[in-house]
Amino acid sequence: MLSINKFGLSILTVNLLMTGISYGIETSSESKSAPPPAVTSEVSQHKSNPSGFVEKIEYNLQQAIREERIATLSELDKERRATLIYMTHERLAATEDLRSELNRLTETLVSERQATLVEIEAIGDRLINSALVRSKSLIDHFFVRLLQLIIFIGVAVVLTFLLFKRGHTKRETKKVLNE
């Protein structure tokens, strides 16, 4: 029903505009500058002065057109204001939606960044622990090999010493026997 009224209103507006254009600027200026003479009855006016009757009808028609134009423009202004209010509310709602989406994305990025930092820290800890374990095993291996080398050298020195001592004792005994 509201759409029928708007359609009827638009048709009436077009009709009124066309009627106003057909009268032209001249009739508009005449109606503003001089109102029609006061008439007591239409019939007496029509019989005595036919042009006065036409002027009154013309004036009444112009008044009706003016009133319809004012009403139409007032209705259009109300609709324009309502549209502006609606668009303002929609813009504010869209802006608020964008802000909430931005906040949600920011929170997501912050949480992802924190999770990434935790993962990087865990990887660093694993690398450090792995390096420590490898260095400890390498140091342990070095000391085990050093100990083995020291023992090997010690055994070699003792064996060499024993061999020299034995060889020296055999010579001594031969010398003693030879003497």
Protein backbone atom coordinates (compact mmCIF):
# COMPACT_ATOMS: atom_id res chain seq x y z
CA MET A 1 0.00 0.00 0.00
CA LEU A 2 2.91 2.31 0.71
CA SER A 3 4.32 1.70 -2.77
CA ILE A 4 0.95 2.63 -4.36
CA ASN A 5 0.97 5.92 -2.46
CA LYS A 6 4.51 6.66 -3.60
CA PHE A 7 3.57 5.81 -7.17
CA GLY A 8 0.48 8.02 -6.99
CA LEU A 9 2.53 10.77 -5.39
CA SER A 10 5.12 10.59 -8.16
CA ILE A 11 2.40 10.74 -10.86
CA LEU A 12 0.76 13.69 -9.11
CA THR A 13 4.15 15.42 -8.84
CA VAL A 14 4.82 14.96 -12.56
CA ASN A 15 1.33 16.24 -13.40
CA LEU A 16 1.75 19.27 -11.18
CA LEU A 17 5.16 20.05 -12.63
CA MET A 18 3.83 19.76 -16.16
CA THR A 19 0.87 21.99 -15.32
CA GLY A 20 3.14 24.57 -13.72
CA ILE A 21 5.43 24.57 -16.75
CA SER A 22 2.48 24.98 -19.14
CA TYR A 23 1.34 28.16 -17.37
CA GLY A 24 4.83 29.58 -17.68
CA ILE A 25 6.65 32.23 -15.76
CA GLU A 26 4.16 34.96 -16.69
CA THR A 27 1.20 33.44 -14.85
CA SER A 28 3.39 32.66 -11.87
CA SER A 29 4.54 36.27 -11.55
CA GLU A 30 0.96 37.55 -11.99
CA SER A 31 -0.35 35.34 -9.22
CA LYS A 32 2.38 36.47 -6.81
CA SER A 33 2.09 40.19 -7.54
CA ALA A 34 -1.66 40.64 -7.59
CA PRO A 35 -4.20 38.33 -6.00
CA PRO A 36 -7.55 38.04 -7.84
CA PRO A 37 -10.28 40.46 -6.94
CA ALA A 38 -12.58 39.39 -4.17
CA VAL A 39 -15.65 37.76 -5.64
CA THR A 40 -18.86 37.29 -3.75
CA SER A 41 -20.38 34.78 -6.11
CA GLU A 42 -19.05 32.98 -9.11
CA VAL A 43 -22.19 33.39 -11.15
CA SER A 44 -22.35 37.19 -10.82
CA GLN A 45 -18.66 37.41 -11.62
CA HIS A 46 -19.10 35.17 -14.63
CA LYS A 47 -22.01 37.20 -16.01
CA SER A 48 -20.47 40.60 -15.46
CA ASN A 49 -16.76 39.87 -16.07
CA PRO A 50 -15.87 36.60 -17.74
CA SER A 51 -12.12 37.28 -17.48
CA GLY A 52 -12.34 37.64 -13.67
CA PHE A 53 -13.94 34.24 -13.41
CA VAL A 54 -11.11 32.73 -15.44
CA GLU A 55 -8.54 34.55 -13.30
CA LYS A 56 -10.11 33.21 -10.14
CA ILE A 57 -10.07 29.66 -11.49
CA GLU A 58 -6.51 30.22 -12.63
CA TYR A 59 -5.55 31.60 -9.22
CA ASN A 60 -7.27 28.71 -7.42
CA LEU A 61 -5.52 26.23 -9.69
CA GLN A 62 -2.17 27.89 -9.06
CA GLN A 63 -2.81 27.86 -5.31
CA ALA A 64 -3.69 24.17 -5.49
CA ILE A 65 -0.57 23.49 -7.53
CA ARG A 66 1.54 25.51 -5.08
CA GLU A 67 0.07 23.64 -2.11
CA GLU A 68 0.66 20.32 -3.85
CA ARG A 69 4.22 21.32 -4.69
CA ILE A 70 4.86 22.34 -1.09
CA ALA A 71 3.34 19.10 0.18
CA THR A 72 5.32 17.09 -2.34
CA LEU A 73 8.56 18.88 -1.54
CA SER A 74 7.87 18.49 2.17
CA GLU A 75 7.29 14.77 1.70
CA LEU A 76 10.44 14.49 -0.43
CA ASP A 77 12.40 16.35 2.25
CA LYS A 78 11.08 13.97 4.91
CA GLU A 79 12.07 10.98 2.78
CA ARG A 80 15.48 12.55 2.08
CA ARG A 81 16.06 13.08 5.79
CA ALA A 82 14.90 9.55 6.58
CA THR A 83 17.22 8.24 3.88
CA LEU A 84 20.13 10.26 5.25
CA ILE A 85 19.43 8.99 8.77
CA TYR A 86 19.20 5.42 7.47
CA MET A 87 22.42 5.78 5.46
CA THR A 88 24.18 7.30 8.48
CA HIS A 89 23.10 4.37 10.64
CA GLU A 90 24.17 1.92 7.95
CA ARG A 91 27.54 3.65 7.59
CA LEU A 92 28.05 3.59 11.35
CA ALA A 93 27.06 -0.07 11.50
CA ALA A 94 29.41 -0.92 8.63
CA THR A 95 32.20 1.04 10.30
CA GLU A 96 31.58 -0.76 13.58
CA ASP A 97 31.61 -4.11 11.76
CA LEU A 98 34.91 -3.18 10.14
CA ARG A 99 36.35 -2.12 13.50
CA SER A 100 35.29 -5.38 15.14
CA GLU A 101 36.74 -7.33 12.21
CA LEU A 102 39.98 -5.34 12.49
CA ASN A 103 40.12 -6.02 16.23
CA ARG A 104 39.49 -9.71 15.62
CA LEU A 105 42.22 -9.86 12.97
CA THR A 106 44.61 -7.95 15.22
CA GLU A 107 43.94 -10.36 18.09
CA THR A 108 44.43 -13.30 15.73
CA LEU A 109 47.73 -11.88 14.48
CA VAL A 110 48.93 -11.22 18.02
CA SER A 111 48.04 -14.75 19.13
CA GLU A 112 49.69 -16.24 16.03
CA ARG A 113 52.78 -14.12 16.68
CA GLN A 114 52.91 -15.30 20.28
CA ALA A 115 52.48 -18.91 19.19
CA THR A 116 55.25 -18.47 16.63
CA LEU A 117 57.54 -16.95 19.25
CA VAL A 118 56.84 -19.86 21.59
CA GLU A 119 57.63 -22.32 18.79
CA ILE A 120 60.84 -20.46 17.90
CA GLU A 121 61.87 -20.44 21.56
CA ALA A 122 61.16 -24.18 21.82
CA ILE A 123 63.22 -24.84 18.67
CA GLY A 124 66.06 -22.72 20.10
CA ASP A 125 65.92 -24.62 23.38
CA ARG A 126 66.03 -27.94 21.54
CA LEU A 127 68.99 -26.77 19.45
CA ILE A 128 70.87 -25.57 22.53
CA ASN A 129 70.12 -28.77 24.44
CA SER A 130 71.17 -30.83 21.45
CA ALA A 131 74.40 -28.82 21.11
CA LEU A 132 75.08 -29.22 24.84
CA VAL A 133 74.52 -32.96 24.69
CA ARG A 134 76.78 -33.26 21.64
CA SER A 135 79.47 -31.10 23.17
CA LYS A 136 79.32 -33.08 26.43
CA SER A 137 79.61 -36.35 24.53
CA LEU A 138 82.41 -34.90 22.42
CA ILE A 139 84.27 -33.70 25.50
CA ASP A 140 83.69 -37.05 27.18
CA HIS A 141 84.92 -38.81 24.06
CA PHE A 142 87.99 -36.54 23.97
CA PHE A 143 88.84 -37.26 27.59
CA VAL A 144 88.29 -41.01 27.12
CA ARG A 145 90.62 -40.98 24.09
CA LEU A 146 93.15 -38.84 26.02
CA LEU A 147 93.00 -41.29 28.93
CA GLN A 148 93.46 -44.20 26.51
CA LEU A 149 96.44 -42.42 24.96
CA ILE A 150 97.95 -41.73 28.38
CA ILE A 151 97.45 -45.36 29.40
CA PHE A 152 98.89 -46.56 26.09
CA ILE A 153 101.91 -44.28 26.46
CA GLY A 154 102.29 -45.37 30.09
CA VAL A 155 102.16 -49.04 29.14
CA ALA A 156 104.60 -48.44 26.28
CA VAL A 157 106.99 -46.58 28.62
CA VAL A 158 106.73 -49.36 31.23
CA LEU A 159 107.28 -52.03 28.59
CA THR A 160 110.15 -50.11 27.11
CA PHE A 161 111.62 -49.63 30.54
CA LEU A 162 111.21 -53.32 31.33
CA LEU A 163 112.76 -54.32 28.03
CA PHE A 164 115.70 -52.01 28.61
CA LYS A 165 116.07 -53.20 32.15
CA ARG A 166 115.94 -56.82 31.08
CA GLY A 167 118.39 -56.16 28.26
CA HIS A 168 120.59 -54.26 30.64
CA THR A 169 120.43 -57.05 33.22
CA LYS A 170 121.36 -59.66 30.59
CA ARG A 171 124.39 -57.67 29.60
CA GLU A 172 125.35 -57.25 33.16
CA THR A 173 125.02 -60.92 33.80
CA LYS A 174 127.05 -61.70 30.71
CA LYS A 175 129.66 -59.28 31.77
CA VAL A 176 129.72 -60.79 35.17
CA LEU A 177 129.91 -64.22 33.61
CA ASN A 178 132.51 -63.19 31.19
CA GLU A 179 134.62 -61.76 33.81
